[in-house]
Amino acid sequence: MSQLYIICFDVHNKKRLRKVAIQIENFGTRVQYSVFECFLEANDLAKLKKRIKKIIDPKYDHIRYYGLCAKDQYKIQFDGRYQSVLESDYHLF
């Protein structure tokens, strides 16, 4: 069963930043410059984390993965333009 993850990152090198963003875009939707919403199965999360660990420099970069349970994902609040991924029924790999 998939779970919604909010994934955000701070990558200090433009080349690595682009590579990280591309990897996360394969699994979810960008909602802000360095923030993504992804519906992931446990094995997909592990696959994504493995790919990202190969790219980042842990001395300078960091990635955060916030898992939201089903009841909390509908409590997301926002102001301004927003594209919802809560109704996603497909994934790109």
PDB file of N, CA and C in Angstrom:
ATOM      1  N   MET A   1       0.844  -1.186   0.000  1.00  0.00           N
ATOM      2  CA  MET A   1       0.000   0.000   0.000  1.00  0.00           C
ATOM      3  C   MET A   1       0.886   1.245   0.000  1.00  0.00           C
ATOM      4  N   SER A   2       0.585   2.179  -0.876  1.00  0.00           N
ATOM      5  CA  SER A   2       1.418   3.369  -0.978  1.00  0.00           C
ATOM      6  C   SER A   2       1.082   4.369   0.116  1.00  0.00           C
ATOM      7  N   GLN A   3       2.074   5.193   0.410  1.00  0.00           N
ATOM      8  CA  GLN A   3       1.954   6.230   1.428  1.00  0.00           C
ATOM      9  C   GLN A   3       2.441   7.534   0.812  1.00  0.00           C
ATOM     10  N   LEU A   4       1.829   8.646   1.206  1.00  0.00           N
ATOM     11  CA  LEU A   4       2.257   9.942   0.721  1.00  0.00           C
ATOM     12  C   LEU A   4       3.499  10.384   1.492  1.00  0.00           C
ATOM     13  N   TYR A   5       4.528  10.763   0.763  1.00  0.00           N
ATOM     14  CA  TYR A   5       5.747  11.309   1.356  1.00  0.00           C
ATOM     15  C   TYR A   5       5.959  12.720   0.839  1.00  0.00           C
ATOM     16  N   ILE A   6       6.306  13.606   1.745  1.00  0.00           N
ATOM     17  CA  ILE A   6       6.775  14.932   1.386  1.00  0.00           C
ATOM     18  C   ILE A   6       8.294  14.824   1.401  1.00  0.00           C
ATOM     19  N   ILE A   7       8.913  15.095   0.280  1.00  0.00           N
ATOM     20  CA  ILE A   7      10.367  14.983   0.167  1.00  0.00           C
ATOM     21  C   ILE A   7      10.910  16.374  -0.146  1.00  0.00           C
ATOM     22  N   CYS A   8      11.821  16.824   0.703  1.00  0.00           N
ATOM     23  CA  CYS A   8      12.441  18.129   0.471  1.00  0.00           C
ATOM     24  C   CYS A   8      13.948  17.979   0.593  1.00  0.00           C
ATOM     25  N   PHE A   9      14.651  18.869  -0.068  1.00  0.00           N
ATOM     26  CA  PHE A   9      16.100  18.716  -0.093  1.00  0.00           C
ATOM     27  C   PHE A   9      16.808  20.052  -0.148  1.00  0.00           C
ATOM     28  N   ASP A  10      18.050  20.018   0.304  1.00  0.00           N
ATOM     29  CA  ASP A  10      18.948  21.158   0.241  1.00  0.00           C
ATOM     30  C   ASP A  10      20.261  20.621  -0.303  1.00  0.00           C
ATOM     31  N   VAL A  11      20.514  20.881  -1.577  1.00  0.00           N
ATOM     32  CA  VAL A  11      21.706  20.383  -2.252  1.00  0.00           C
ATOM     33  C   VAL A  11      22.517  21.594  -2.692  1.00  0.00           C
ATOM     34  N   HIS A  12      23.779  21.627  -2.334  1.00  0.00           N
ATOM     35  CA  HIS A  12      24.587  22.829  -2.502  1.00  0.00           C
ATOM     36  C   HIS A  12      25.327  22.928  -3.827  1.00  0.00           C
ATOM     37  N   ASN A  13      25.259  21.938  -4.648  1.00  0.00           N
ATOM     38  CA  ASN A  13      25.920  21.956  -5.949  1.00  0.00           C
ATOM     39  C   ASN A  13      24.839  21.854  -7.025  1.00  0.00           C
ATOM     40  N   LYS A  14      24.864  22.763  -7.994  1.00  0.00           N
ATOM     41  CA  LYS A  14      23.799  22.806  -9.007  1.00  0.00           C
ATOM     42  C   LYS A  14      23.683  21.511  -9.802  1.00  0.00           C
ATOM     43  N   LYS A  15      24.803  20.900 -10.123  1.00  0.00           N
ATOM     44  CA  LYS A  15      24.778  19.655 -10.895  1.00  0.00           C
ATOM     45  C   LYS A  15      24.124  18.541 -10.084  1.00  0.00           C
ATOM     46  N   ARG A  16      24.508  18.403  -8.817  1.00  0.00           N
ATOM     47  CA  ARG A  16      23.897  17.386  -7.951  1.00  0.00           C
ATOM     48  C   ARG A  16      22.430  17.702  -7.704  1.00  0.00           C
ATOM     49  N   LEU A  17      22.112  18.978  -7.525  1.00  0.00           N
ATOM     50  CA  LEU A  17      20.729  19.382  -7.279  1.00  0.00           C
ATOM     51  C   LEU A  17      19.842  18.941  -8.437  1.00  0.00           C
ATOM     52  N   ARG A  18      20.294  19.175  -9.641  1.00  0.00           N
ATOM     53  CA  ARG A  18      19.503  18.787 -10.828  1.00  0.00           C
ATOM     54  C   ARG A  18      19.320  17.271 -10.887  1.00  0.00           C
ATOM     55  N   LYS A  19      20.380  16.530 -10.591  1.00  0.00           N
ATOM     56  CA  LYS A  19      20.284  15.068 -10.618  1.00  0.00           C
ATOM     57  C   LYS A  19      19.316  14.553  -9.561  1.00  0.00           C
ATOM     58  N   VAL A  20      19.352  15.150  -8.374  1.00  0.00           N
ATOM     59  CA  VAL A  20      18.426  14.743  -7.307  1.00  0.00           C
ATOM     60  C   VAL A  20      16.991  15.038  -7.723  1.00  0.00           C
ATOM     61  N   ALA A  21      16.758  16.243  -8.237  1.00  0.00           N
ATOM     62  CA  ALA A  21      15.410  16.621  -8.657  1.00  0.00           C
ATOM     63  C   ALA A  21      14.875  15.688  -9.734  1.00  0.00           C
ATOM     64  N   ILE A  22      15.705  15.323 -10.685  1.00  0.00           N
ATOM     65  CA  ILE A  22      15.276  14.410 -11.755  1.00  0.00           C
ATOM     66  C   ILE A  22      14.871  13.063 -11.167  1.00  0.00           C
ATOM     67  N   GLN A  23      15.660  12.559 -10.235  1.00  0.00           N
ATOM     68  CA  GLN A  23      15.330  11.269  -9.623  1.00  0.00           C
ATOM     69  C   GLN A  23      13.991  11.333  -8.893  1.00  0.00           C
ATOM     70  N   ILE A  24      13.762  12.398  -8.121  1.00  0.00           N
ATOM     71  CA  ILE A  24      12.508  12.498  -7.371  1.00  0.00           C
ATOM     72  C   ILE A  24      11.337  12.709  -8.316  1.00  0.00           C
ATOM     73  N   GLU A  25      11.531  13.460  -9.402  1.00  0.00           N
ATOM     74  CA  GLU A  25      10.465  13.657 -10.389  1.00  0.00           C
ATOM     75  C   GLU A  25      10.014  12.337 -11.009  1.00  0.00           C
ATOM     76  N   ASN A  26      10.881  11.331 -11.031  1.00  0.00           N
ATOM     77  CA  ASN A  26      10.505  10.016 -11.540  1.00  0.00           C
ATOM     78  C   ASN A  26       9.507   9.312 -10.622  1.00  0.00           C
ATOM     79  N   PHE A  27       9.367   9.800  -9.398  1.00  0.00           N
ATOM     80  CA  PHE A  27       8.515   9.142  -8.419  1.00  0.00           C
ATOM     81  C   PHE A  27       7.350  10.005  -7.943  1.00  0.00           C
ATOM     82  N   GLY A  28       7.370  11.294  -8.215  1.00  0.00           N
ATOM     83  CA  GLY A  28       6.320  12.149  -7.667  1.00  0.00           C
ATOM     84  C   GLY A  28       6.179  13.465  -8.400  1.00  0.00           C
ATOM     85  N   THR A  29       5.546  14.422  -7.721  1.00  0.00           N
ATOM     86  CA  THR A  29       5.207  15.716  -8.300  1.00  0.00           C
ATOM     87  C   THR A  29       5.884  16.830  -7.525  1.00  0.00           C
ATOM     88  N   ARG A  30       6.542  17.724  -8.255  1.00  0.00           N
ATOM     89  CA  ARG A  30       7.161  18.888  -7.626  1.00  0.00           C
ATOM     90  C   ARG A  30       6.055  19.869  -7.245  1.00  0.00           C
ATOM     91  N   VAL A  31       6.038  20.289  -5.981  1.00  0.00           N
ATOM     92  CA  VAL A  31       5.046  21.267  -5.534  1.00  0.00           C
ATOM     93  C   VAL A  31       5.697  22.597  -5.177  1.00  0.00           C
ATOM     94  N   GLN A  32       6.991  22.596  -4.939  1.00  0.00           N
ATOM     95  CA  GLN A  32       7.795  23.799  -4.776  1.00  0.00           C
ATOM     96  C   GLN A  32       9.183  23.479  -5.318  1.00  0.00           C
ATOM     97  N   TYR A  33      10.050  24.478  -5.359  1.00  0.00           N
ATOM     98  CA  TYR A  33      11.348  24.276  -6.000  1.00  0.00           C
ATOM     99  C   TYR A  33      12.086  23.043  -5.480  1.00  0.00           C
ATOM    100  N   SER A  34      12.159  22.875  -4.183  1.00  0.00           N
ATOM    101  CA  SER A  34      12.868  21.737  -3.594  1.00  0.00           C
ATOM    102  C   SER A  34      11.960  20.860  -2.743  1.00  0.00           C
ATOM    103  N   VAL A  35      10.683  20.826  -3.087  1.00  0.00           N
ATOM    104  CA  VAL A  35       9.704  20.032  -2.334  1.00  0.00           C
ATOM    105  C   VAL A  35       8.852  19.220  -3.309  1.00  0.00           C
ATOM    106  N   PHE A  36       8.727  17.935  -3.004  1.00  0.00           N
ATOM    107  CA  PHE A  36       7.943  17.026  -3.834  1.00  0.00           C
ATOM    108  C   PHE A  36       6.933  16.277  -2.981  1.00  0.00           C
ATOM    109  N   GLU A  37       5.823  15.887  -3.595  1.00  0.00           N
ATOM    110  CA  GLU A  37       4.853  14.984  -2.980  1.00  0.00           C
ATOM    111  C   GLU A  37       4.865  13.703  -3.808  1.00  0.00           C
ATOM    112  N   CYS A  38       5.075  12.583  -3.117  1.00  0.00           N
ATOM    113  CA  CYS A  38       5.205  11.299  -3.807  1.00  0.00           C
ATOM    114  C   CYS A  38       4.392  10.233  -3.099  1.00  0.00           C
ATOM    115  N   PHE A  39       3.608   9.483  -3.837  1.00  0.00           N
ATOM    116  CA  PHE A  39       2.963   8.291  -3.312  1.00  0.00           C
ATOM    117  C   PHE A  39       3.905   7.120  -3.576  1.00  0.00           C
ATOM    118  N   LEU A  40       4.394   6.499  -2.498  1.00  0.00           N
ATOM    119  CA  LEU A  40       5.413   5.467  -2.647  1.00  0.00           C
ATOM    120  C   LEU A  40       5.079   4.213  -1.859  1.00  0.00           C
ATOM    121  N   GLU A  41       5.356   3.084  -2.467  1.00  0.00           N
ATOM    122  CA  GLU A  41       5.392   1.812  -1.768  1.00  0.00           C
ATOM    123  C   GLU A  41       6.728   1.758  -1.036  1.00  0.00           C
ATOM    124  N   ALA A  42       6.858   0.896  -0.042  1.00  0.00           N
ATOM    125  CA  ALA A  42       8.099   0.791   0.734  1.00  0.00           C
ATOM    126  C   ALA A  42       9.296   0.495  -0.168  1.00  0.00           C
ATOM    127  N   ASN A  43       9.114  -0.405  -1.148  1.00  0.00           N
ATOM    128  CA  ASN A  43      10.238  -0.742  -2.034  1.00  0.00           C
ATOM    129  C   ASN A  43      10.610   0.421  -2.954  1.00  0.00           C
ATOM    130  N   ASP A  44       9.623   1.249  -3.354  1.00  0.00           N
ATOM    131  CA  ASP A  44       9.916   2.422  -4.178  1.00  0.00           C
ATOM    132  C   ASP A  44      10.680   3.472  -3.373  1.00  0.00           C
ATOM    133  N   LEU A  45      10.305   3.649  -2.107  1.00  0.00           N
ATOM    134  CA  LEU A  45      11.024   4.583  -1.244  1.00  0.00           C
ATOM    135  C   LEU A  45      12.473   4.141  -1.087  1.00  0.00           C
ATOM    136  N   ALA A  46      12.688   2.863  -0.856  1.00  0.00           N
ATOM    137  CA  ALA A  46      14.044   2.335  -0.706  1.00  0.00           C
ATOM    138  C   ALA A  46      14.842   2.538  -1.995  1.00  0.00           C
ATOM    139  N   LYS A  47      14.214   2.306  -3.142  1.00  0.00           N
ATOM    140  CA  LYS A  47      14.874   2.481  -4.441  1.00  0.00           C
ATOM    141  C   LYS A  47      15.266   3.947  -4.650  1.00  0.00           C
ATOM    142  N   LEU A  48      14.349   4.867  -4.339  1.00  0.00           N
ATOM    143  CA  LEU A  48      14.621   6.289  -4.496  1.00  0.00           C
ATOM    144  C   LEU A  48      15.763   6.727  -3.576  1.00  0.00           C
ATOM    145  N   LYS A  49      15.716   6.298  -2.314  1.00  0.00           N
ATOM    146  CA  LYS A  49      16.765   6.679  -1.365  1.00  0.00           C
ATOM    147  C   LYS A  49      18.133   6.156  -1.812  1.00  0.00           C
ATOM    148  N   LYS A  50      18.171   4.967  -2.349  1.00  0.00           N
ATOM    149  CA  LYS A  50      19.428   4.388  -2.836  1.00  0.00           C
ATOM    150  C   LYS A  50      19.986   5.216  -3.993  1.00  0.00           C
ATOM    151  N   ARG A  51      19.113   5.613  -4.918  1.00  0.00           N
ATOM    152  CA  ARG A  51      19.546   6.428  -6.056  1.00  0.00           C
ATOM    153  C   ARG A  51      20.082   7.781  -5.593  1.00  0.00           C
ATOM    154  N   ILE A  52      19.386   8.388  -4.637  1.00  0.00           N
ATOM    155  CA  ILE A  52      19.784   9.709  -4.160  1.00  0.00           C
ATOM    156  C   ILE A  52      21.094   9.648  -3.379  1.00  0.00           C
ATOM    157  N   LYS A  53      21.292   8.606  -2.600  1.00  0.00           N
ATOM    158  CA  LYS A  53      22.539   8.468  -1.832  1.00  0.00           C
ATOM    159  C   LYS A  53      23.756   8.405  -2.737  1.00  0.00           C
ATOM    160  N   LYS A  54      23.578   7.902  -3.959  1.00  0.00           N
ATOM    161  CA  LYS A  54      24.681   7.833  -4.919  1.00  0.00           C
ATOM    162  C   LYS A  54      25.029   9.209  -5.490  1.00  0.00           C
ATOM    163  N   ILE A  55      24.110  10.168  -5.372  1.00  0.00           N
ATOM    164  CA  ILE A  55      24.289  11.489  -5.972  1.00  0.00           C
ATOM    165  C   ILE A  55      24.805  12.522  -4.966  1.00  0.00           C
ATOM    166  N   ILE A  56      24.235  12.540  -3.777  1.00  0.00           N
ATOM    167  CA  ILE A  56      24.523  13.639  -2.850  1.00  0.00           C
ATOM    168  C   ILE A  56      25.891  13.506  -2.186  1.00  0.00           C
ATOM    169  N   ASP A  57      26.353  14.620  -1.676  1.00  0.00           N
ATOM    170  CA  ASP A  57      27.541  14.665  -0.831  1.00  0.00           C
ATOM    171  C   ASP A  57      27.045  14.905   0.587  1.00  0.00           C
ATOM    172  N   PRO A  58      27.090  13.896   1.457  1.00  0.00           N
ATOM    173  CA  PRO A  58      26.507  14.029   2.797  1.00  0.00           C
ATOM    174  C   PRO A  58      27.168  15.095   3.668  1.00  0.00           C
ATOM    175  N   LYS A  59      28.313  15.590   3.268  1.00  0.00           N
ATOM    176  CA  LYS A  59      28.956  16.679   4.017  1.00  0.00           C
ATOM    177  C   LYS A  59      28.227  18.002   3.818  1.00  0.00           C
ATOM    178  N   TYR A  60      27.568  18.151   2.672  1.00  0.00           N
ATOM    179  CA  TYR A  60      26.952  19.426   2.318  1.00  0.00           C
ATOM    180  C   TYR A  60      25.442  19.356   2.045  1.00  0.00           C
ATOM    181  N   ASP A  61      24.961  18.214   1.625  1.00  0.00           N
ATOM    182  CA  ASP A  61      23.576  18.076   1.163  1.00  0.00           C
ATOM    183  C   ASP A  61      22.753  17.273   2.165  1.00  0.00           C
ATOM    184  N   HIS A  62      21.449  17.492   2.150  1.00  0.00           N
ATOM    185  CA  HIS A  62      20.572  16.612   2.922  1.00  0.00           C
ATOM    186  C   HIS A  62      19.180  16.549   2.294  1.00  0.00           C
ATOM    187  N   ILE A  63      18.575  15.397   2.513  1.00  0.00           N
ATOM    188  CA  ILE A  63      17.243  15.101   1.996  1.00  0.00           C
ATOM    189  C   ILE A  63      16.373  14.732   3.195  1.00  0.00           C
ATOM    190  N   ARG A  64      15.128  15.181   3.195  1.00  0.00           N
ATOM    191  CA  ARG A  64      14.185  14.806   4.257  1.00  0.00           C
ATOM    192  C   ARG A  64      12.978  14.124   3.625  1.00  0.00           C
ATOM    193  N   TYR A  65      12.543  13.045   4.261  1.00  0.00           N
ATOM    194  CA  TYR A  65      11.397  12.263   3.806  1.00  0.00           C
ATOM    195  C   TYR A  65      10.361  12.272   4.931  1.00  0.00           C
ATOM    196  N   TYR A  66       9.236  12.927   4.722  1.00  0.00           N
ATOM    197  CA  TYR A  66       8.175  12.986   5.725  1.00  0.00           C
ATOM    198  C   TYR A  66       7.020  12.111   5.247  1.00  0.00           C
ATOM    199  N   GLY A  67       6.786  11.010   5.942  1.00  0.00           N
ATOM    200  CA  GLY A  67       5.674  10.140   5.599  1.00  0.00           C
ATOM    201  C   GLY A  67       4.397  10.619   6.268  1.00  0.00           C
ATOM    202  N   LEU A  68       3.327  10.731   5.491  1.00  0.00           N
ATOM    203  CA  LEU A  68       2.035  11.149   6.030  1.00  0.00           C
ATOM    204  C   LEU A  68       1.063   9.984   5.981  1.00  0.00           C
ATOM    205  N   CYS A  69       0.368   9.780   7.071  1.00  0.00           N
ATOM    206  CA  CYS A  69      -0.646   8.727   7.068  1.00  0.00           C
ATOM    207  C   CYS A  69      -1.863   9.206   6.274  1.00  0.00           C
ATOM    208  N   ALA A  70      -2.739   8.285   5.939  1.00  0.00           N
ATOM    209  CA  ALA A  70      -3.882   8.593   5.072  1.00  0.00           C
ATOM    210  C   ALA A  70      -4.757   9.701   5.652  1.00  0.00           C
ATOM    211  N   LYS A  71      -4.983   9.690   6.963  1.00  0.00           N
ATOM    212  CA  LYS A  71      -5.858  10.716   7.544  1.00  0.00           C
ATOM    213  C   LYS A  71      -5.203  12.090   7.543  1.00  0.00           C
ATOM    214  N   ASP A  72      -3.879  12.148   7.656  1.00  0.00           N
ATOM    215  CA  ASP A  72      -3.195  13.437   7.698  1.00  0.00           C
ATOM    216  C   ASP A  72      -2.935  14.034   6.332  1.00  0.00           C
ATOM    217  N   GLN A  73      -2.868  13.216   5.295  1.00  0.00           N
ATOM    218  CA  GLN A  73      -2.580  13.767   3.978  1.00  0.00           C
ATOM    219  C   GLN A  73      -3.677  14.705   3.508  1.00  0.00           C
ATOM    220  N   TYR A  74      -4.886  14.548   3.999  1.00  0.00           N
ATOM    221  CA  TYR A  74      -5.979  15.422   3.597  1.00  0.00           C
ATOM    222  C   TYR A  74      -6.047  16.690   4.446  1.00  0.00           C
ATOM    223  N   LYS A  75      -5.117  16.842   5.381  1.00  0.00           N
ATOM    224  CA  LYS A  75      -5.035  18.045   6.206  1.00  0.00           C
ATOM    225  C   LYS A  75      -4.021  19.046   5.651  1.00  0.00           C
ATOM    226  N   ILE A  76      -3.437  18.742   4.518  1.00  0.00           N
ATOM    227  CA  ILE A  76      -2.470  19.653   3.919  1.00  0.00           C
ATOM    228  C   ILE A  76      -3.183  20.961   3.578  1.00  0.00           C
ATOM    229  N   GLN A  77      -2.598  22.058   4.037  1.00  0.00           N
ATOM    230  CA  GLN A  77      -3.164  23.379   3.769  1.00  0.00           C
ATOM    231  C   GLN A  77      -2.202  24.153   2.882  1.00  0.00           C
ATOM    232  N   PHE A  78      -2.739  25.063   2.108  1.00  0.00           N
ATOM    233  CA  PHE A  78      -1.903  25.844   1.209  1.00  0.00           C
ATOM    234  C   PHE A  78      -2.580  27.152   0.884  1.00  0.00           C
ATOM    235  N   ASP A  79      -1.795  28.106   0.451  1.00  0.00           N
ATOM    236  CA  ASP A  79      -2.276  29.379  -0.075  1.00  0.00           C
ATOM    237  C   ASP A  79      -1.673  29.553  -1.455  1.00  0.00           C
ATOM    238  N   GLY A  80      -2.418  30.118  -2.353  1.00  0.00           N
ATOM    239  CA  GLY A  80      -1.906  30.349  -3.697  1.00  0.00           C
ATOM    240  C   GLY A  80      -2.112  29.151  -4.600  1.00  0.00           C
ATOM    241  N   ARG A  81      -1.399  29.159  -5.697  1.00  0.00           N
ATOM    242  CA  ARG A  81      -1.514  28.110  -6.717  1.00  0.00           C
ATOM    243  C   ARG A  81      -1.042  26.775  -6.161  1.00  0.00           C
ATOM    244  N   TYR A  82      -1.787  25.731  -6.421  1.00  0.00           N
ATOM    245  CA  TYR A  82      -1.445  24.411  -5.884  1.00  0.00           C
ATOM    246  C   TYR A  82      -1.970  23.331  -6.806  1.00  0.00           C
ATOM    247  N   GLN A  83      -1.136  22.343  -7.082  1.00  0.00           N
ATOM    248  CA  GLN A  83      -1.551  21.184  -7.857  1.00  0.00           C
ATOM    249  C   GLN A  83      -1.602  20.003  -6.908  1.00  0.00           C
ATOM    250  N   SER A  84      -2.765  19.444  -6.705  1.00  0.00           N
ATOM    251  CA  SER A  84      -2.921  18.336  -5.773  1.00  0.00           C
ATOM    252  C   SER A  84      -2.451  17.024  -6.380  1.00  0.00           C
ATOM    253  N   VAL A  85      -1.772  16.233  -5.585  1.00  0.00           N
ATOM    254  CA  VAL A  85      -1.384  14.891  -6.014  1.00  0.00           C
ATOM    255  C   VAL A  85      -2.147  13.847  -5.208  1.00  0.00           C
ATOM    256  N   LEU A  86      -3.090  14.271  -4.410  1.00  0.00           N
ATOM    257  CA  LEU A  86      -3.798  13.349  -3.529  1.00  0.00           C
ATOM    258  C   LEU A  86      -4.653  12.352  -4.285  1.00  0.00           C
ATOM    259  N   GLU A  87      -4.977  12.643  -5.516  1.00  0.00           N
ATOM    260  CA  GLU A  87      -5.810  11.751  -6.306  1.00  0.00           C
ATOM    261  C   GLU A  87      -4.988  10.990  -7.339  1.00  0.00           C
ATOM    262  N   SER A  88      -3.688  10.948  -7.154  1.00  0.00           N
ATOM    263  CA  SER A  88      -2.817  10.309  -8.134  1.00  0.00           C
ATOM    264  C   SER A  88      -3.105   8.819  -8.246  1.00  0.00           C
ATOM    265  N   ASP A  89      -3.248   8.361  -9.486  1.00  0.00           N
ATOM    266  CA  ASP A  89      -3.475   6.927  -9.684  1.00  0.00           C
ATOM    267  C   ASP A  89      -2.433   6.338 -10.630  1.00  0.00           C
ATOM    268  N   TYR A  90      -1.309   7.024 -10.787  1.00  0.00           N
ATOM    269  CA  TYR A  90      -0.244   6.499 -11.636  1.00  0.00           C
ATOM    270  C   TYR A  90       1.105   6.948 -11.096  1.00  0.00           C
ATOM    271  N   HIS A  91       2.139   6.266 -11.514  1.00  0.00           N
ATOM    272  CA  HIS A  91       3.500   6.624 -11.146  1.00  0.00           C
ATOM    273  C   HIS A  91       4.384   6.487 -12.376  1.00  0.00           C
ATOM    274  N   LEU A  92       5.347   7.367 -12.484  1.00  0.00           N
ATOM    275  CA  LEU A  92       6.308   7.317 -13.583  1.00  0.00           C
ATOM    276  C   LEU A  92       7.639   6.823 -13.049  1.00  0.00           C
ATOM    277  N   PHE A  93       8.277   5.900 -13.765  1.00  0.00           N
ATOM    278  CA  PHE A  93       9.581   5.399 -13.330  1.00  0.00           C
ATOM    279  C   PHE A  93      10.555   5.434 -14.467  1.00  0.00           C
TER     280      PHE A  93
END
